Amino acid sequence: MQIQQALDIVRVVGNHAVHPGKIDLKDDKATVVRLLELVNLIAEQMISQPKHVKAMFDSLPDEQRQQIERRDKSSDTK
């Protein structure tokens, strides 16, 4: 929900900034900084964090990782 709202904010503010086909170079610095913070938040949660978690999971010993994967498969069928 939080990422969806962040994406909506970036989309709505971005659409208002460029329609009707002109970029408003008078946008205030605070708005631009906040939008960039949202883009960074989106990238962190959707790209960086999953990569870090996957790398850590992949570094677990094979036997423990396989046990977890078997557990997950069995819970998927319930």
N, C-alpha and C. Protein backbone atom coordinates (compact mmCIF):
# COMPACT_ATOMS: atom_id res chain seq x y z
N MET A 1 0.83 -1.19 0.00
CA MET A 1 0.00 0.00 0.00
C MET A 1 0.88 1.26 0.00
N GLN A 2 1.92 1.25 0.81
CA GLN A 2 2.80 2.41 0.89
C GLN A 2 3.50 2.68 -0.45
N ILE A 3 3.98 1.63 -1.10
CA ILE A 3 4.65 1.79 -2.39
C ILE A 3 3.64 2.28 -3.43
N GLN A 4 2.44 1.73 -3.40
CA GLN A 4 1.41 2.17 -4.35
C GLN A 4 1.12 3.66 -4.17
N GLN A 5 1.02 4.11 -2.93
CA GLN A 5 0.77 5.52 -2.68
C GLN A 5 1.94 6.37 -3.16
N ALA A 6 3.18 5.90 -2.93
CA ALA A 6 4.35 6.63 -3.39
C ALA A 6 4.35 6.75 -4.91
N LEU A 7 4.02 5.65 -5.59
CA LEU A 7 3.94 5.68 -7.05
C LEU A 7 2.83 6.62 -7.53
N ASP A 8 1.70 6.62 -6.83
CA ASP A 8 0.61 7.52 -7.19
C ASP A 8 1.02 8.98 -7.04
N ILE A 9 1.71 9.30 -5.97
CA ILE A 9 2.17 10.67 -5.75
C ILE A 9 3.09 11.11 -6.87
N VAL A 10 4.07 10.27 -7.19
CA VAL A 10 5.02 10.61 -8.26
C VAL A 10 4.29 10.78 -9.59
N ARG A 11 3.34 9.89 -9.86
CA ARG A 11 2.59 9.97 -11.12
C ARG A 11 1.75 11.24 -11.19
N VAL A 12 0.98 11.52 -10.13
CA VAL A 12 0.08 12.67 -10.14
C VAL A 12 0.86 13.98 -10.21
N VAL A 13 1.85 14.12 -9.37
CA VAL A 13 2.65 15.35 -9.38
C VAL A 13 3.40 15.48 -10.69
N GLY A 14 3.93 14.38 -11.20
CA GLY A 14 4.64 14.41 -12.47
C GLY A 14 3.72 14.79 -13.62
N ASN A 15 2.51 14.23 -13.63
CA ASN A 15 1.55 14.56 -14.69
C ASN A 15 1.18 16.04 -14.66
N HIS A 16 0.98 16.57 -13.46
CA HIS A 16 0.63 17.98 -13.34
C HIS A 16 1.79 18.88 -13.76
N ALA A 17 3.01 18.40 -13.58
CA ALA A 17 4.18 19.21 -13.89
C ALA A 17 4.43 19.31 -15.40
N VAL A 18 4.01 18.30 -16.16
CA VAL A 18 4.36 18.29 -17.59
C VAL A 18 3.19 18.54 -18.53
N HIS A 19 1.98 18.58 -18.02
CA HIS A 19 0.83 18.83 -18.91
C HIS A 19 0.50 20.30 -18.91
N PRO A 20 0.20 20.89 -19.96
CA PRO A 20 -0.09 20.34 -21.28
C PRO A 20 1.15 20.28 -22.18
N GLY A 21 2.13 19.55 -21.80
CA GLY A 21 3.30 19.39 -22.65
C GLY A 21 4.45 20.29 -22.29
N LYS A 22 4.36 20.98 -21.19
CA LYS A 22 5.44 21.88 -20.77
C LYS A 22 5.89 21.48 -19.38
N ILE A 23 7.19 21.47 -19.18
CA ILE A 23 7.74 21.22 -17.85
C ILE A 23 7.82 22.57 -17.14
N ASP A 24 7.29 22.60 -15.94
CA ASP A 24 7.32 23.84 -15.16
C ASP A 24 8.63 23.91 -14.41
N LEU A 25 9.53 24.72 -14.89
CA LEU A 25 10.84 24.84 -14.25
C LEU A 25 10.79 25.68 -12.98
N LYS A 26 9.60 26.15 -12.63
CA LYS A 26 9.45 26.95 -11.43
C LYS A 26 9.07 26.10 -10.22
N ASP A 27 9.00 24.78 -10.37
CA ASP A 27 8.67 23.93 -9.22
C ASP A 27 9.65 24.22 -8.09
N ASP A 28 9.11 24.20 -6.91
CA ASP A 28 9.97 24.53 -5.77
C ASP A 28 10.89 23.36 -5.43
N LYS A 29 12.03 23.70 -4.90
CA LYS A 29 13.07 22.72 -4.60
C LYS A 29 12.57 21.66 -3.61
N ALA A 30 11.78 22.06 -2.64
CA ALA A 30 11.28 21.12 -1.62
C ALA A 30 10.45 20.01 -2.26
N THR A 31 9.60 20.36 -3.22
CA THR A 31 8.78 19.36 -3.89
C THR A 31 9.65 18.38 -4.67
N VAL A 32 10.64 18.91 -5.37
CA VAL A 32 11.54 18.06 -6.15
C VAL A 32 12.30 17.11 -5.23
N VAL A 33 12.80 17.62 -4.13
CA VAL A 33 13.55 16.78 -3.18
C VAL A 33 12.65 15.68 -2.62
N ARG A 34 11.41 16.01 -2.27
CA ARG A 34 10.49 15.02 -1.72
C ARG A 34 10.16 13.95 -2.75
N LEU A 35 9.97 14.36 -4.02
CA LEU A 35 9.70 13.38 -5.06
C LEU A 35 10.89 12.44 -5.26
N LEU A 36 12.09 12.99 -5.25
CA LEU A 36 13.28 12.14 -5.39
C LEU A 36 13.41 11.19 -4.20
N GLU A 37 13.04 11.64 -3.02
CA GLU A 37 13.05 10.76 -1.85
C GLU A 37 12.07 9.60 -2.05
N LEU A 38 10.90 9.89 -2.63
CA LEU A 38 9.92 8.84 -2.90
C LEU A 38 10.45 7.85 -3.93
N VAL A 39 11.10 8.36 -4.97
CA VAL A 39 11.67 7.46 -5.99
C VAL A 39 12.73 6.57 -5.36
N ASN A 40 13.56 7.13 -4.48
CA ASN A 40 14.57 6.33 -3.79
C ASN A 40 13.92 5.29 -2.88
N LEU A 41 12.85 5.66 -2.19
CA LEU A 41 12.13 4.71 -1.33
C LEU A 41 11.57 3.56 -2.15
N ILE A 42 10.98 3.88 -3.29
CA ILE A 42 10.42 2.85 -4.17
C ILE A 42 11.52 1.89 -4.63
N ALA A 43 12.64 2.44 -5.08
CA ALA A 43 13.76 1.61 -5.55
C ALA A 43 14.32 0.76 -4.42
N GLU A 44 14.45 1.32 -3.25
CA GLU A 44 14.99 0.58 -2.10
C GLU A 44 14.09 -0.61 -1.76
N GLN A 45 12.80 -0.36 -1.64
CA GLN A 45 11.89 -1.43 -1.23
C GLN A 45 11.60 -2.45 -2.32
N MET A 46 11.60 -2.03 -3.57
CA MET A 46 11.23 -2.93 -4.65
C MET A 46 12.43 -3.62 -5.30
N ILE A 47 13.62 -3.05 -5.18
CA ILE A 47 14.79 -3.61 -5.85
C ILE A 47 15.88 -3.99 -4.86
N SER A 48 16.33 -3.03 -4.07
CA SER A 48 17.50 -3.26 -3.21
C SER A 48 17.22 -4.26 -2.09
N GLN A 49 16.16 -4.04 -1.33
CA GLN A 49 15.87 -4.94 -0.21
C GLN A 49 15.67 -6.38 -0.66
N PRO A 50 14.86 -6.65 -1.69
CA PRO A 50 14.71 -8.04 -2.13
C PRO A 50 16.04 -8.67 -2.55
N LYS A 51 16.91 -7.89 -3.19
CA LYS A 51 18.21 -8.42 -3.60
C LYS A 51 19.05 -8.80 -2.38
N HIS A 52 19.03 -7.94 -1.35
CA HIS A 52 19.80 -8.22 -0.13
C HIS A 52 19.28 -9.47 0.57
N VAL A 53 17.96 -9.58 0.67
CA VAL A 53 17.37 -10.75 1.32
C VAL A 53 17.69 -12.01 0.54
N LYS A 54 17.56 -11.96 -0.78
CA LYS A 54 17.87 -13.14 -1.60
C LYS A 54 19.33 -13.54 -1.45
N ALA A 55 20.23 -12.57 -1.44
CA ALA A 55 21.65 -12.88 -1.29
C ALA A 55 21.92 -13.55 0.05
N MET A 56 21.28 -13.06 1.10
CA MET A 56 21.46 -13.68 2.43
C MET A 56 20.85 -15.07 2.47
N PHE A 57 19.65 -15.22 1.88
CA PHE A 57 19.00 -16.53 1.85
C PHE A 57 19.86 -17.53 1.08
N ASP A 58 20.38 -17.09 -0.07
CA ASP A 58 21.22 -17.96 -0.89
C ASP A 58 22.52 -18.35 -0.19
N SER A 59 22.94 -17.57 0.80
CA SER A 59 24.18 -17.88 1.52
C SER A 59 23.95 -18.87 2.67
N LEU A 60 22.68 -19.20 2.95
CA LEU A 60 22.41 -20.22 3.98
C LEU A 60 22.96 -21.56 3.52
N PRO A 61 23.30 -22.42 4.47
CA PRO A 61 23.74 -23.77 4.07
C PRO A 61 22.66 -24.47 3.26
N ASP A 62 23.10 -25.24 2.27
CA ASP A 62 22.16 -25.91 1.35
C ASP A 62 21.08 -26.68 2.06
N GLU A 63 21.44 -27.45 3.07
CA GLU A 63 20.44 -28.29 3.75
C GLU A 63 19.34 -27.46 4.39
N GLN A 64 19.71 -26.38 5.07
CA GLN A 64 18.70 -25.53 5.71
C GLN A 64 17.83 -24.83 4.66
N ARG A 65 18.44 -24.38 3.57
CA ARG A 65 17.68 -23.72 2.51
C ARG A 65 16.70 -24.69 1.88
N GLN A 66 17.13 -25.94 1.66
CA GLN A 66 16.24 -26.94 1.08
C GLN A 66 15.09 -27.27 2.03
N GLN A 67 15.37 -27.32 3.33
CA GLN A 67 14.30 -27.58 4.31
C GLN A 67 13.25 -26.46 4.25
N ILE A 68 13.72 -25.25 4.17
CA ILE A 68 12.80 -24.11 4.09
C ILE A 68 11.97 -24.19 2.81
N GLU A 69 12.61 -24.50 1.69
CA GLU A 69 11.90 -24.60 0.42
C GLU A 69 10.88 -25.73 0.45
N ARG A 70 11.21 -26.87 1.08
CA ARG A 70 10.24 -27.97 1.22
C ARG A 70 9.06 -27.52 2.08
N ARG A 71 9.37 -26.83 3.17
CA ARG A 71 8.30 -26.33 4.05
C ARG A 71 7.38 -25.41 3.26
N ASP A 72 7.97 -24.53 2.48
CA ASP A 72 7.15 -23.58 1.71
C ASP A 72 6.29 -24.28 0.67
N LYS A 73 6.83 -25.31 0.03
CA LYS A 73 6.05 -26.07 -0.96
C LYS A 73 4.89 -26.77 -0.28
N SER A 74 5.12 -27.33 0.91
CA SER A 74 4.04 -28.06 1.59
C SER A 74 2.98 -27.11 2.09
N SER A 75 3.35 -25.89 2.46
CA SER A 75 2.34 -24.92 2.93
C SER A 75 1.56 -24.34 1.75
N ASP A 76 2.14 -24.38 0.55
CA ASP A 76 1.44 -23.89 -0.64
C ASP A 76 0.29 -24.82 -1.02
N THR A 77 0.41 -26.09 -0.72
CA THR A 77 -0.62 -27.05 -1.12
C THR A 77 -1.76 -27.13 -0.10
N LYS A 78 -1.62 -26.49 1.01
CA LYS A 78 -2.68 -26.55 2.05
C LYS A 78 -3.73 -25.53 1.82
